[in-house]
Amino acid sequence: MFILEAVIMIVLPFLAHVPEEESTRFWACFCLLFFFGAVNGMCQASVFGLAGILPGEYMGAVMFGNGVSGVACNSLAMIFLAVFGVPKGTDDAF
């Protein structure tokens, strides 16, 4: 499943720039992201399932890692928006 996730993440940027009608491109990306969500759910379930058979500290470590990664991603997003600003022409009400 991790390999399938990697393949989807590699294909998505190329699919977003296919020179076709914009609605076709949107729905193709939307369908690909739908499958990415399903694959991601299976990967997360397997990680939590494997951590569940270990002592409780390991489950806590997995959950702590999820929290730290979420905080780190949002912090980086705020830093990049502060440094580079919002692109002109977007209607981003952050």
PDB file of N, CA and C in Angstrom:
ATOM      1  N   MET A   1       0.817  -1.198   0.000  1.00  0.00           N
ATOM      2  CA  MET A   1       0.000   0.000   0.000  1.00  0.00           C
ATOM      3  C   MET A   1       0.861   1.263   0.000  1.00  0.00           C
ATOM      4  N   PHE A   2       2.011   1.209   0.674  1.00  0.00           N
ATOM      5  CA  PHE A   2       2.871   2.385   0.695  1.00  0.00           C
ATOM      6  C   PHE A   2       3.413   2.677  -0.703  1.00  0.00           C
ATOM      7  N   ILE A   3       3.700   1.634  -1.466  1.00  0.00           N
ATOM      8  CA  ILE A   3       4.171   1.830  -2.839  1.00  0.00           C
ATOM      9  C   ILE A   3       3.062   2.429  -3.694  1.00  0.00           C
ATOM     10  N   LEU A   4       1.828   1.976  -3.505  1.00  0.00           N
ATOM     11  CA  LEU A   4       0.699   2.523  -4.246  1.00  0.00           C
ATOM     12  C   LEU A   4       0.482   3.990  -3.887  1.00  0.00           C
ATOM     13  N   GLU A   5       0.644   4.345  -2.611  1.00  0.00           N
ATOM     14  CA  GLU A   5       0.559   5.754  -2.202  1.00  0.00           C
ATOM     15  C   GLU A   5       1.623   6.584  -2.900  1.00  0.00           C
ATOM     16  N   ALA A   6       2.834   6.068  -2.960  1.00  0.00           N
ATOM     17  CA  ALA A   6       3.926   6.797  -3.610  1.00  0.00           C
ATOM     18  C   ALA A   6       3.642   6.995  -5.096  1.00  0.00           C
ATOM     19  N   VAL A   7       3.109   5.971  -5.744  1.00  0.00           N
ATOM     20  CA  VAL A   7       2.794   6.081  -7.171  1.00  0.00           C
ATOM     21  C   VAL A   7       1.720   7.139  -7.391  1.00  0.00           C
ATOM     22  N   ILE A   8       0.700   7.162  -6.555  1.00  0.00           N
ATOM     23  CA  ILE A   8      -0.367   8.155  -6.697  1.00  0.00           C
ATOM     24  C   ILE A   8       0.197   9.558  -6.489  1.00  0.00           C
ATOM     25  N   MET A   9       1.075   9.737  -5.509  1.00  0.00           N
ATOM     26  CA  MET A   9       1.644  11.067  -5.264  1.00  0.00           C
ATOM     27  C   MET A   9       2.569  11.497  -6.391  1.00  0.00           C
ATOM     28  N   ILE A  10       3.180  10.556  -7.092  1.00  0.00           N
ATOM     29  CA  ILE A  10       4.033  10.906  -8.233  1.00  0.00           C
ATOM     30  C   ILE A  10       3.180  11.259  -9.446  1.00  0.00           C
ATOM     31  N   VAL A  11       2.078  10.563  -9.649  1.00  0.00           N
ATOM     32  CA  VAL A  11       1.237  10.769 -10.827  1.00  0.00           C
ATOM     33  C   VAL A  11       0.389  12.037 -10.714  1.00  0.00           C
ATOM     34  N   LEU A  12      -0.021  12.418  -9.529  1.00  0.00           N
ATOM     35  CA  LEU A  12      -0.958  13.526  -9.349  1.00  0.00           C
ATOM     36  C   LEU A  12      -0.478  14.852  -9.941  1.00  0.00           C
ATOM     37  N   PRO A  13       0.754  15.310  -9.710  1.00  0.00           N
ATOM     38  CA  PRO A  13       1.153  16.591 -10.322  1.00  0.00           C
ATOM     39  C   PRO A  13       1.145  16.558 -11.854  1.00  0.00           C
ATOM     40  N   PHE A  14       1.512  15.420 -12.435  1.00  0.00           N
ATOM     41  CA  PHE A  14       1.479  15.318 -13.891  1.00  0.00           C
ATOM     42  C   PHE A  14       0.046  15.333 -14.404  1.00  0.00           C
ATOM     43  N   LEU A  15      -0.852  14.692 -13.677  1.00  0.00           N
ATOM     44  CA  LEU A  15      -2.258  14.666 -14.070  1.00  0.00           C
ATOM     45  C   LEU A  15      -2.884  16.058 -13.971  1.00  0.00           C
ATOM     46  N   ALA A  16      -2.417  16.853 -13.006  1.00  0.00           N
ATOM     47  CA  ALA A  16      -2.972  18.195 -12.830  1.00  0.00           C
ATOM     48  C   ALA A  16      -2.587  19.133 -13.967  1.00  0.00           C
ATOM     49  N   HIS A  17      -1.536  18.801 -14.706  1.00  0.00           N
ATOM     50  CA  HIS A  17      -1.086  19.677 -15.786  1.00  0.00           C
ATOM     51  C   HIS A  17      -1.347  19.104 -17.179  1.00  0.00           C
ATOM     52  N   VAL A  18      -2.242  18.154 -17.264  1.00  0.00           N
ATOM     53  CA  VAL A  18      -2.599  17.601 -18.564  1.00  0.00           C
ATOM     54  C   VAL A  18      -3.351  18.677 -19.347  1.00  0.00           C
ATOM     55  N   PRO A  19      -2.924  18.940 -20.582  1.00  0.00           N
ATOM     56  CA  PRO A  19      -3.581  20.021 -21.343  1.00  0.00           C
ATOM     57  C   PRO A  19      -4.929  19.586 -21.915  1.00  0.00           C
ATOM     58  N   GLU A  20      -5.905  19.470 -21.062  1.00  0.00           N
ATOM     59  CA  GLU A  20      -7.267  19.135 -21.487  1.00  0.00           C
ATOM     60  C   GLU A  20      -8.206  20.183 -20.923  1.00  0.00           C
ATOM     61  N   GLU A  21      -9.468  19.948 -21.092  1.00  0.00           N
ATOM     62  CA  GLU A  21     -10.465  20.845 -20.526  1.00  0.00           C
ATOM     63  C   GLU A  21     -10.347  20.827 -18.996  1.00  0.00           C
ATOM     64  N   GLU A  22     -10.550  21.966 -18.386  1.00  0.00           N
ATOM     65  CA  GLU A  22     -10.305  22.085 -16.947  1.00  0.00           C
ATOM     66  C   GLU A  22     -11.205  21.184 -16.116  1.00  0.00           C
ATOM     67  N   SER A  23     -12.451  21.003 -16.512  1.00  0.00           N
ATOM     68  CA  SER A  23     -13.341  20.148 -15.727  1.00  0.00           C
ATOM     69  C   SER A  23     -12.900  18.687 -15.796  1.00  0.00           C
ATOM     70  N   THR A  24     -12.378  18.251 -16.929  1.00  0.00           N
ATOM     71  CA  THR A  24     -11.877  16.877 -17.060  1.00  0.00           C
ATOM     72  C   THR A  24     -10.682  16.673 -16.144  1.00  0.00           C
ATOM     73  N   ARG A  25      -9.798  17.653 -16.130  1.00  0.00           N
ATOM     74  CA  ARG A  25      -8.615  17.578 -15.285  1.00  0.00           C
ATOM     75  C   ARG A  25      -9.017  17.552 -13.806  1.00  0.00           C
ATOM     76  N   PHE A  26     -10.004  18.379 -13.441  1.00  0.00           N
ATOM     77  CA  PHE A  26     -10.477  18.417 -12.052  1.00  0.00           C
ATOM     78  C   PHE A  26     -11.019  17.061 -11.625  1.00  0.00           C
ATOM     79  N   TRP A  27     -11.868  16.458 -12.435  1.00  0.00           N
ATOM     80  CA  TRP A  27     -12.483  15.192 -12.049  1.00  0.00           C
ATOM     81  C   TRP A  27     -11.476  14.055 -12.038  1.00  0.00           C
ATOM     82  N   ALA A  28     -10.493  14.103 -12.924  1.00  0.00           N
ATOM     83  CA  ALA A  28      -9.450  13.081 -12.908  1.00  0.00           C
ATOM     84  C   ALA A  28      -8.639  13.167 -11.617  1.00  0.00           C
ATOM     85  N   CYS A  29      -8.267  14.383 -11.226  1.00  0.00           N
ATOM     86  CA  CYS A  29      -7.532  14.570  -9.965  1.00  0.00           C
ATOM     87  C   CYS A  29      -8.398  14.198  -8.771  1.00  0.00           C
ATOM     88  N   PHE A  30      -9.680  14.540  -8.830  1.00  0.00           N
ATOM     89  CA  PHE A  30     -10.599  14.220  -7.742  1.00  0.00           C
ATOM     90  C   PHE A  30     -10.716  12.713  -7.549  1.00  0.00           C
ATOM     91  N   CYS A  31     -10.856  11.973  -8.641  1.00  0.00           N
ATOM     92  CA  CYS A  31     -10.958  10.516  -8.546  1.00  0.00           C
ATOM     93  C   CYS A  31      -9.657   9.905  -8.029  1.00  0.00           C
ATOM     94  N   LEU A  32      -8.525  10.440  -8.478  1.00  0.00           N
ATOM     95  CA  LEU A  32      -7.242   9.932  -8.003  1.00  0.00           C
ATOM     96  C   LEU A  32      -7.083  10.197  -6.507  1.00  0.00           C
ATOM     97  N   LEU A  33      -7.501  11.366  -6.046  1.00  0.00           N
ATOM     98  CA  LEU A  33      -7.415  11.671  -4.617  1.00  0.00           C
ATOM     99  C   LEU A  33      -8.388  10.838  -3.796  1.00  0.00           C
ATOM    100  N   PHE A  34      -9.514  10.456  -4.379  1.00  0.00           N
ATOM    101  CA  PHE A  34     -10.439   9.563  -3.687  1.00  0.00           C
ATOM    102  C   PHE A  34      -9.765   8.223  -3.397  1.00  0.00           C
ATOM    103  N   PHE A  35      -9.079   7.674  -4.393  1.00  0.00           N
ATOM    104  CA  PHE A  35      -8.378   6.408  -4.196  1.00  0.00           C
ATOM    105  C   PHE A  35      -7.185   6.579  -3.254  1.00  0.00           C
ATOM    106  N   PHE A  36      -6.553   7.752  -3.300  1.00  0.00           N
ATOM    107  CA  PHE A  36      -5.451   8.020  -2.380  1.00  0.00           C
ATOM    108  C   PHE A  36      -5.947   8.001  -0.935  1.00  0.00           C
ATOM    109  N   GLY A  37      -7.124   8.554  -0.687  1.00  0.00           N
ATOM    110  CA  GLY A  37      -7.686   8.537   0.656  1.00  0.00           C
ATOM    111  C   GLY A  37      -7.976   7.128   1.135  1.00  0.00           C
ATOM    112  N   ALA A  38      -8.481   6.293   0.242  1.00  0.00           N
ATOM    113  CA  ALA A  38      -8.752   4.905   0.618  1.00  0.00           C
ATOM    114  C   ALA A  38      -7.461   4.152   0.919  1.00  0.00           C
ATOM    115  N   VAL A  39      -6.453   4.348   0.087  1.00  0.00           N
ATOM    116  CA  VAL A  39      -5.165   3.684   0.306  1.00  0.00           C
ATOM    117  C   VAL A  39      -4.513   4.200   1.589  1.00  0.00           C
ATOM    118  N   ASN A  40      -4.595   5.501   1.816  1.00  0.00           N
ATOM    119  CA  ASN A  40      -4.035   6.079   3.030  1.00  0.00           C
ATOM    120  C   ASN A  40      -4.729   5.534   4.274  1.00  0.00           C
ATOM    121  N   GLY A  41      -6.029   5.363   4.219  1.00  0.00           N
ATOM    122  CA  GLY A  41      -6.759   4.775   5.338  1.00  0.00           C
ATOM    123  C   GLY A  41      -6.310   3.353   5.631  1.00  0.00           C
ATOM    124  N   MET A  42      -6.075   2.577   4.570  1.00  0.00           N
ATOM    125  CA  MET A  42      -5.588   1.205   4.770  1.00  0.00           C
ATOM    126  C   MET A  42      -4.194   1.194   5.383  1.00  0.00           C
ATOM    127  N   CYS A  43      -3.345   2.120   4.932  1.00  0.00           N
ATOM    128  CA  CYS A  43      -1.979   2.194   5.497  1.00  0.00           C
ATOM    129  C   CYS A  43      -2.029   2.585   6.970  1.00  0.00           C
ATOM    130  N   GLN A  44      -2.839   3.566   7.295  1.00  0.00           N
ATOM    131  CA  GLN A  44      -2.937   3.982   8.693  1.00  0.00           C
ATOM    132  C   GLN A  44      -3.513   2.878   9.564  1.00  0.00           C
ATOM    133  N   ALA A  45      -4.501   2.170   9.049  1.00  0.00           N
ATOM    134  CA  ALA A  45      -5.081   1.074   9.819  1.00  0.00           C
ATOM    135  C   ALA A  45      -4.060  -0.025  10.066  1.00  0.00           C
ATOM    136  N   SER A  46      -3.223  -0.296   9.075  1.00  0.00           N
ATOM    137  CA  SER A  46      -2.221  -1.338   9.281  1.00  0.00           C
ATOM    138  C   SER A  46      -1.156  -0.899  10.280  1.00  0.00           C
ATOM    139  N   VAL A  47      -0.764   0.376  10.254  1.00  0.00           N
ATOM    140  CA  VAL A  47       0.216   0.864  11.228  1.00  0.00           C
ATOM    141  C   VAL A  47      -0.363   0.802  12.636  1.00  0.00           C
ATOM    142  N   PHE A  48      -1.594   1.261  12.815  1.00  0.00           N
ATOM    143  CA  PHE A  48      -2.217   1.213  14.136  1.00  0.00           C
ATOM    144  C   PHE A  48      -2.470  -0.227  14.568  1.00  0.00           C
ATOM    145  N   GLY A  49      -2.802  -1.086  13.618  1.00  0.00           N
ATOM    146  CA  GLY A  49      -3.012  -2.500  13.951  1.00  0.00           C
ATOM    147  C   GLY A  49      -1.733  -3.166  14.426  1.00  0.00           C
ATOM    148  N   LEU A  50      -0.630  -2.863  13.755  1.00  0.00           N
ATOM    149  CA  LEU A  50       0.643  -3.429  14.181  1.00  0.00           C
ATOM    150  C   LEU A  50       1.096  -2.851  15.517  1.00  0.00           C
ATOM    151  N   ALA A  51       0.844  -1.573  15.738  1.00  0.00           N
ATOM    152  CA  ALA A  51       1.210  -0.964  17.019  1.00  0.00           C
ATOM    153  C   ALA A  51       0.307  -1.469  18.140  1.00  0.00           C
ATOM    154  N   GLY A  52      -0.894  -1.905  17.794  1.00  0.00           N
ATOM    155  CA  GLY A  52      -1.832  -2.381  18.802  1.00  0.00           C
ATOM    156  C   GLY A  52      -1.432  -3.695  19.449  1.00  0.00           C
ATOM    157  N   ILE A  53      -0.637  -4.503  18.758  1.00  0.00           N
ATOM    158  CA  ILE A  53      -0.217  -5.776  19.355  1.00  0.00           C
ATOM    159  C   ILE A  53       1.013  -5.604  20.246  1.00  0.00           C
ATOM    160  N   LEU A  54       1.602  -4.411  20.216  1.00  0.00           N
ATOM    161  CA  LEU A  54       2.763  -4.112  21.059  1.00  0.00           C
ATOM    162  C   LEU A  54       2.295  -3.470  22.360  1.00  0.00           C
ATOM    163  N   PRO A  55       3.189  -3.264  23.317  1.00  0.00           N
ATOM    164  CA  PRO A  55       2.788  -2.572  24.552  1.00  0.00           C
ATOM    165  C   PRO A  55       2.233  -1.172  24.270  1.00  0.00           C
ATOM    166  N   GLY A  56       1.502  -0.632  25.226  1.00  0.00           N
ATOM    167  CA  GLY A  56       0.782   0.631  25.061  1.00  0.00           C
ATOM    168  C   GLY A  56       1.654   1.819  24.696  1.00  0.00           C
ATOM    169  N   GLU A  57       2.913   1.811  25.116  1.00  0.00           N
ATOM    170  CA  GLU A  57       3.791   2.942  24.805  1.00  0.00           C
ATOM    171  C   GLU A  57       3.972   3.116  23.296  1.00  0.00           C
ATOM    172  N   TYR A  58       3.938   2.020  22.561  1.00  0.00           N
ATOM    173  CA  TYR A  58       4.129   2.097  21.121  1.00  0.00           C
ATOM    174  C   TYR A  58       2.931   2.741  20.435  1.00  0.00           C
ATOM    175  N   MET A  59       1.748   2.425  20.916  1.00  0.00           N
ATOM    176  CA  MET A  59       0.550   3.073  20.368  1.00  0.00           C
ATOM    177  C   MET A  59       0.599   4.567  20.649  1.00  0.00           C
ATOM    178  N   GLY A  60       1.034   4.923  21.854  1.00  0.00           N
ATOM    179  CA  GLY A  60       1.200   6.335  22.188  1.00  0.00           C
ATOM    180  C   GLY A  60       2.229   7.005  21.298  1.00  0.00           C
ATOM    181  N   ALA A  61       3.304   6.299  20.962  1.00  0.00           N
ATOM    182  CA  ALA A  61       4.331   6.863  20.089  1.00  0.00           C
ATOM    183  C   ALA A  61       3.793   7.091  18.676  1.00  0.00           C
ATOM    184  N   VAL A  62       2.975   6.171  18.180  1.00  0.00           N
ATOM    185  CA  VAL A  62       2.385   6.340  16.851  1.00  0.00           C
ATOM    186  C   VAL A  62       1.457   7.547  16.849  1.00  0.00           C
ATOM    187  N   MET A  63       0.623   7.673  17.865  1.00  0.00           N
ATOM    188  CA  MET A  63      -0.302   8.798  17.928  1.00  0.00           C
ATOM    189  C   MET A  63       0.452  10.116  18.116  1.00  0.00           C
ATOM    190  N   PHE A  64       1.518  10.103  18.916  1.00  0.00           N
ATOM    191  CA  PHE A  64       2.332  11.302  19.103  1.00  0.00           C
ATOM    192  C   PHE A  64       2.988  11.703  17.780  1.00  0.00           C
ATOM    193  N   GLY A  65       3.469  10.734  17.027  1.00  0.00           N
ATOM    194  CA  GLY A  65       4.075  11.023  15.726  1.00  0.00           C
ATOM    195  C   GLY A  65       3.078  11.630  14.752  1.00  0.00           C
ATOM    196  N   ASN A  66       1.835  11.160  14.765  1.00  0.00           N
ATOM    197  CA  ASN A  66       0.800  11.751  13.919  1.00  0.00           C
ATOM    198  C   ASN A  66       0.543  13.203  14.297  1.00  0.00           C
ATOM    199  N   GLY A  67       0.485  13.465  15.593  1.00  0.00           N
ATOM    200  CA  GLY A  67       0.256  14.837  16.054  1.00  0.00           C
ATOM    201  C   GLY A  67       1.403  15.763  15.702  1.00  0.00           C
ATOM    202  N   VAL A  68       2.627  15.290  15.900  1.00  0.00           N
ATOM    203  CA  VAL A  68       3.802  16.116  15.588  1.00  0.00           C
ATOM    204  C   VAL A  68       3.869  16.411  14.093  1.00  0.00           C
ATOM    205  N   SER A  69       3.559  15.427  13.259  1.00  0.00           N
ATOM    206  CA  SER A  69       3.609  15.668  11.816  1.00  0.00           C
ATOM    207  C   SER A  69       2.539  16.675  11.387  1.00  0.00           C
ATOM    208  N   GLY A  70       1.365  16.632  11.998  1.00  0.00           N
ATOM    209  CA  GLY A  70       0.328  17.609  11.675  1.00  0.00           C
ATOM    210  C   GLY A  70       0.713  19.017  12.084  1.00  0.00           C
ATOM    211  N   VAL A  71       1.280  19.150  13.281  1.00  0.00           N
ATOM    212  CA  VAL A  71       1.725  20.473  13.741  1.00  0.00           C
ATOM    213  C   VAL A  71       2.866  20.978  12.869  1.00  0.00           C
ATOM    214  N   ALA A  72       3.801  20.103  12.508  1.00  0.00           N
ATOM    215  CA  ALA A  72       4.928  20.511  11.681  1.00  0.00           C
ATOM    216  C   ALA A  72       4.476  20.953  10.289  1.00  0.00           C
ATOM    217  N   CYS A  73       3.549  20.228   9.678  1.00  0.00           N
ATOM    218  CA  CYS A  73       3.069  20.601   8.341  1.00  0.00           C
ATOM    219  C   CYS A  73       2.349  21.942   8.363  1.00  0.00           C
ATOM    220  N   ASN A  74       1.505  22.162   9.354  1.00  0.00           N
ATOM    221  CA  ASN A  74       0.797  23.435   9.435  1.00  0.00           C
ATOM    222  C   ASN A  74       1.736  24.581   9.777  1.00  0.00           C
ATOM    223  N   SER A  75       2.736  24.324  10.596  1.00  0.00           N
ATOM    224  CA  SER A  75       3.719  25.371  10.906  1.00  0.00           C
ATOM    225  C   SER A  75       4.502  25.754   9.652  1.00  0.00           C
ATOM    226  N   LEU A  76       4.925  24.754   8.877  1.00  0.00           N
ATOM    227  CA  LEU A  76       5.626  25.049   7.631  1.00  0.00           C
ATOM    228  C   LEU A  76       4.739  25.815   6.652  1.00  0.00           C
ATOM    229  N   ALA A  77       3.462  25.461   6.587  1.00  0.00           N
ATOM    230  CA  ALA A  77       2.547  26.175   5.693  1.00  0.00           C
ATOM    231  C   ALA A  77       2.429  27.635   6.112  1.00  0.00           C
ATOM    232  N   MET A  78       2.328  27.905   7.409  1.00  0.00           N
ATOM    233  CA  MET A  78       2.242  29.291   7.875  1.00  0.00           C
ATOM    234  C   MET A  78       3.525  30.053   7.602  1.00  0.00           C
ATOM    235  N   ILE A  79       4.671  29.390   7.791  1.00  0.00           N
ATOM    236  CA  ILE A  79       5.957  30.043   7.531  1.00  0.00           C
ATOM    237  C   ILE A  79       6.085  30.383   6.052  1.00  0.00           C
ATOM    238  N   PHE A  80       5.746  29.452   5.179  1.00  0.00           N
ATOM    239  CA  PHE A  80       5.857  29.714   3.747  1.00  0.00           C
ATOM    240  C   PHE A  80       4.891  30.796   3.300  1.00  0.00           C
ATOM    241  N   LEU A  81       3.685  30.824   3.858  1.00  0.00           N
ATOM    242  CA  LEU A  81       2.748  31.892   3.504  1.00  0.00           C
ATOM    243  C   LEU A  81       3.243  33.243   4.008  1.00  0.00           C
ATOM    244  N   ALA A  82       3.880  33.259   5.184  1.00  0.00           N
ATOM    245  CA  ALA A  82       4.402  34.517   5.706  1.00  0.00           C
ATOM    246  C   ALA A  82       5.594  34.995   4.882  1.00  0.00           C
ATOM    247  N   VAL A  83       6.439  34.082   4.443  1.00  0.00           N
ATOM    248  CA  VAL A  83       7.632  34.463   3.688  1.00  0.00           C
ATOM    249  C   VAL A  83       7.292  34.813   2.247  1.00  0.00           C
ATOM    250  N   PHE A  84       6.525  33.961   1.577  1.00  0.00           N
ATOM    251  CA  PHE A  84       6.259  34.146   0.156  1.00  0.00           C
ATOM    252  C   PHE A  84       4.931  34.842  -0.123  1.00  0.00           C
ATOM    253  N   GLY A  85       4.040  34.898   0.832  1.00  0.00           N
ATOM    254  CA  GLY A  85       2.754  35.538   0.637  1.00  0.00           C
ATOM    255  C   GLY A  85       1.791  34.672  -0.159  1.00  0.00           C
ATOM    256  N   VAL A  86       0.574  35.163  -0.263  1.00  0.00           N
ATOM    257  CA  VAL A  86      -0.461  34.467  -1.025  1.00  0.00           C
ATOM    258  C   VAL A  86      -0.306  34.871  -2.484  1.00  0.00           C
ATOM    259  N   PRO A  87      -0.334  33.922  -3.419  1.00  0.00           N
ATOM    260  CA  PRO A  87      -0.197  34.273  -4.835  1.00  0.00           C
ATOM    261  C   PRO A  87      -1.302  35.217  -5.282  1.00  0.00           C
ATOM    262  N   LYS A  88      -0.948  36.140  -6.155  1.00  0.00           N
ATOM    263  CA  LYS A  88      -1.923  37.099  -6.656  1.00  0.00           C
ATOM    264  C   LYS A  88      -2.951  36.374  -7.518  1.00  0.00           C
ATOM    265  N   GLY A  89      -4.184  36.821  -7.413  1.00  0.00           N
ATOM    266  CA  GLY A  89      -5.246  36.221  -8.189  1.00  0.00           C
ATOM    267  C   GLY A  89      -5.968  35.089  -7.458  1.00  0.00           C
ATOM    268  N   THR A  90      -5.486  34.732  -6.260  1.00  0.00           N
ATOM    269  CA  THR A  90      -6.188  33.701  -5.498  1.00  0.00           C
ATOM    270  C   THR A  90      -7.079  34.376  -4.470  1.00  0.00           C
ATOM    271  N   ASP A  91      -8.104  33.689  -4.100  1.00  0.00           N
ATOM    272  CA  ASP A  91      -9.049  34.226  -3.137  1.00  0.00           C
ATOM    273  C   ASP A  91      -8.920  33.434  -1.840  1.00  0.00           C
ATOM    274  N   ASP A  92      -7.718  33.398  -1.293  1.00  0.00           N
ATOM    275  CA  ASP A  92      -7.427  32.615  -0.112  1.00  0.00           C
ATOM    276  C   ASP A  92      -7.649  33.452   1.140  1.00  0.00           C
ATOM    277  N   ALA A  93      -8.692  33.166   1.864  1.00  0.00           N
ATOM    278  CA  ALA A  93      -9.005  33.887   3.097  1.00  0.00           C
ATOM    279  C   ALA A  93      -8.459  33.093   4.267  1.00  0.00           C
ATOM    280  N   PHE A  94      -7.136  33.103   4.435  1.00  0.00           N
ATOM    281  CA  PHE A  94      -6.478  32.323   5.471  1.00  0.00           C
ATOM    282  C   PHE A  94      -6.841  32.944   6.761  1.00  0.00           C
TER     283      PHE A  94
END
